[in-house]
């Protein structure tokens, strides 16, 4: 399974399940997309974490394992309901954790919601929000991709 196929399978699963949940009206924003001019939204990032593919077995019977993490960040204007943004992260965690997608992607247990006032973690946060007046709650779910090479 190529990385593009992995991302597509994860994105399709997330979008489908999100649309069925209590926060369907909250827009999902994917990496490399512009943040919307909305009161609240969920940013989703799918990242690989292995620099090299781990391969097991002999010729003709080789298995490979890639790994990654789905990071998600719920944004809501400051002073407008910390509990709502935490609930959105919990829902996204439930959509992903301990699932098998496309028979090859195994999602692990979710990391608990980590509320934070807009911070300086540039690696995981989108560009600064309008006026820096957003409250953020983040979560993540690691995964592995099993394939035969």
Protein backbone atom coordinates (compact mmCIF):
# COMPACT_ATOMS: atom_id res chain seq x y z
CA UNK A 1 0.00 0.00 0.00
CA UNK A 2 1.52 3.33 -1.04
CA UNK A 3 1.57 6.32 1.31
CA UNK A 4 -0.93 8.13 -0.94
CA UNK A 5 -3.32 5.17 -0.58
CA UNK A 6 -2.83 5.18 3.20
CA UNK A 7 -3.63 8.89 3.42
CA UNK A 8 -6.67 8.52 1.17
CA UNK A 9 -8.03 5.59 3.19
CA UNK A 10 -7.56 7.44 6.49
CA UNK A 11 -9.03 10.67 5.14
CA UNK A 12 -12.06 8.89 3.67
CA UNK A 13 -12.68 7.08 6.97
CA UNK A 14 -12.37 10.29 9.00
CA UNK A 15 -14.59 12.37 6.69
CA UNK A 16 -17.29 9.68 6.53
CA UNK A 17 -17.41 9.07 10.28
CA UNK A 18 -17.14 12.79 11.16
CA UNK A 19 -20.17 13.54 8.95
CA UNK A 20 -22.21 11.04 10.99
CA UNK A 21 -21.25 12.48 14.38
CA UNK A 22 -22.48 15.21 16.67
CA UNK A 23 -19.91 17.70 15.33
CA UNK A 24 -20.62 17.25 11.61
CA UNK A 25 -21.14 21.00 11.28
CA UNK A 26 -17.54 21.63 12.40
CA UNK A 27 -15.39 21.85 9.28
CA UNK A 28 -12.40 19.53 8.88
CA UNK A 29 -9.28 21.27 7.60
CA UNK A 30 -6.46 19.11 6.27
CA UNK A 31 -2.74 19.79 6.24
CA UNK A 32 -1.71 22.23 3.54
CA UNK A 33 -5.17 23.83 3.45
CA UNK A 34 -6.01 27.38 4.47
CA UNK A 35 -7.65 27.77 7.87
CA UNK A 36 -11.29 28.76 7.38
CA UNK A 37 -12.76 32.02 8.60
CA UNK A 38 -15.15 30.18 10.90
CA UNK A 39 -15.79 30.32 14.65
CA UNK A 40 -14.56 26.74 15.15
CA UNK A 41 -12.95 23.97 13.10
CA UNK A 42 -10.90 20.77 13.37
CA UNK A 43 -7.43 20.63 11.77
CA UNK A 44 -6.26 17.11 10.82
CA UNK A 45 -2.68 16.09 9.95
CA UNK A 46 -1.54 12.62 8.82
CA UNK A 47 2.20 12.19 9.30
CA UNK A 48 4.62 9.32 8.75
CA UNK A 49 7.15 8.69 11.49
CA UNK A 50 9.51 6.03 10.09
CA UNK A 51 12.32 7.27 7.88
CA UNK A 52 12.82 3.76 6.51
CA UNK A 53 10.44 0.89 5.92
CA UNK A 54 10.98 -2.01 8.31
CA UNK A 55 11.02 -5.30 6.37
CA UNK A 56 10.69 -8.79 7.83
CA UNK A 57 11.03 -12.26 6.27
CA UNK A 58 12.85 -13.90 3.39
CA UNK A 59 12.59 -13.27 -0.36
CA UNK A 60 9.06 -13.79 -1.64
CA UNK A 61 7.61 -13.71 1.89
CA UNK A 62 8.55 -10.24 3.05
CA UNK A 63 6.31 -8.09 5.18
CA UNK A 64 6.80 -4.38 5.65
CA UNK A 65 5.64 -2.02 8.37
CA UNK A 66 5.30 1.74 8.04
CA UNK A 67 4.11 3.90 10.90
CA UNK A 68 2.43 7.25 11.32
CA UNK A 69 0.30 9.42 13.54
CA UNK A 70 -2.95 11.26 12.93
CA UNK A 71 -2.82 14.58 14.79
CA UNK A 72 -5.97 16.62 15.23
CA UNK A 73 -6.52 20.05 16.73
CA UNK A 74 -9.90 21.52 17.58
CA UNK A 75 -10.07 25.32 17.56
CA UNK A 76 -12.77 27.45 19.16
CA UNK A 77 -12.76 31.17 19.94
CA UNK A 78 -11.35 31.91 23.40
CA UNK A 79 -13.92 32.09 26.20
CA UNK A 80 -16.55 30.16 24.22
CA UNK A 81 -16.62 26.71 25.69
CA UNK A 82 -13.59 24.62 26.50
CA UNK A 83 -15.80 21.57 27.02
CA UNK A 84 -17.10 21.71 23.43
CA UNK A 85 -13.66 21.64 21.88
CA UNK A 86 -12.58 18.82 24.22
CA UNK A 87 -15.69 16.82 23.22
CA UNK A 88 -14.82 17.28 19.54
CA UNK A 89 -11.34 15.84 20.16
CA UNK A 90 -12.80 12.93 22.12
CA UNK A 91 -15.15 12.18 19.21
CA UNK A 92 -12.27 12.23 16.71
CA UNK A 93 -10.33 9.89 19.01
CA UNK A 94 -13.28 7.48 19.07
CA UNK A 95 -13.54 7.59 15.27
CA UNK A 96 -9.92 6.44 14.98
CA UNK A 97 -8.70 4.50 17.97
CA UNK A 98 -8.43 0.72 17.80
CA UNK A 99 -9.80 0.55 14.24
CA UNK A 100 -8.57 -1.41 11.23
CA UNK A 101 -8.98 0.46 7.94
CA UNK A 102 -8.66 -1.11 4.48
CA UNK A 103 -7.47 -4.35 6.15
CA UNK A 104 -3.90 -2.96 6.33
CA UNK A 105 -3.99 0.08 8.60
CA UNK A 106 -4.06 -0.68 12.32
CA UNK A 107 -4.84 2.30 14.53
CA UNK A 108 -3.69 2.18 18.13
CA UNK A 109 -5.13 3.74 21.28
CA UNK A 110 -5.66 7.50 21.28
CA UNK A 111 -3.71 9.98 23.34
CA UNK A 112 -6.02 11.93 25.66
CA UNK A 113 -7.17 15.44 24.77
CA UNK A 114 -4.58 18.04 25.67
CA UNK A 115 -6.21 21.46 26.08
CA UNK A 116 -4.01 24.51 25.60
CA UNK A 117 -4.38 28.19 25.02
CA UNK A 118 -2.95 28.99 21.59
CA UNK A 119 0.73 28.20 21.98
CA UNK A 120 4.04 28.21 20.18
CA UNK A 121 4.26 24.56 19.04
CA UNK A 122 4.93 25.45 15.39
CA UNK A 123 5.40 21.85 14.25
CA UNK A 124 1.87 20.74 15.03
CA UNK A 125 -0.13 23.97 14.93
CA UNK A 126 -1.30 25.81 11.86
CA UNK A 127 -0.17 29.38 11.30
CA UNK A 128 -1.29 31.89 13.93
CA UNK A 129 -5.03 32.32 14.13
CA UNK A 130 -6.78 35.66 13.64
CA UNK A 131 -5.65 37.80 16.55
CA UNK A 132 -4.42 34.69 18.39
CA UNK A 133 -7.83 34.47 20.05
CA UNK A 134 -8.45 30.76 19.65
CA UNK A 135 -8.44 28.03 22.25
CA UNK A 136 -6.99 24.73 21.05
CA UNK A 137 -7.47 21.17 22.19
CA UNK A 138 -5.34 18.47 20.55
CA UNK A 139 -5.25 14.71 20.32
CA UNK A 140 -3.50 12.04 18.30
CA UNK A 141 -3.76 8.40 17.30
CA UNK A 142 -0.71 6.43 16.07
CA UNK A 143 -1.04 3.78 13.38
CA UNK A 144 0.94 1.17 11.48
CA UNK A 145 0.54 0.01 7.89
CA UNK A 146 1.11 -3.67 7.18
CA UNK A 147 1.99 -4.68 3.62
CA UNK A 148 3.68 -7.43 1.63
CA UNK A 149 6.67 -6.47 -0.53
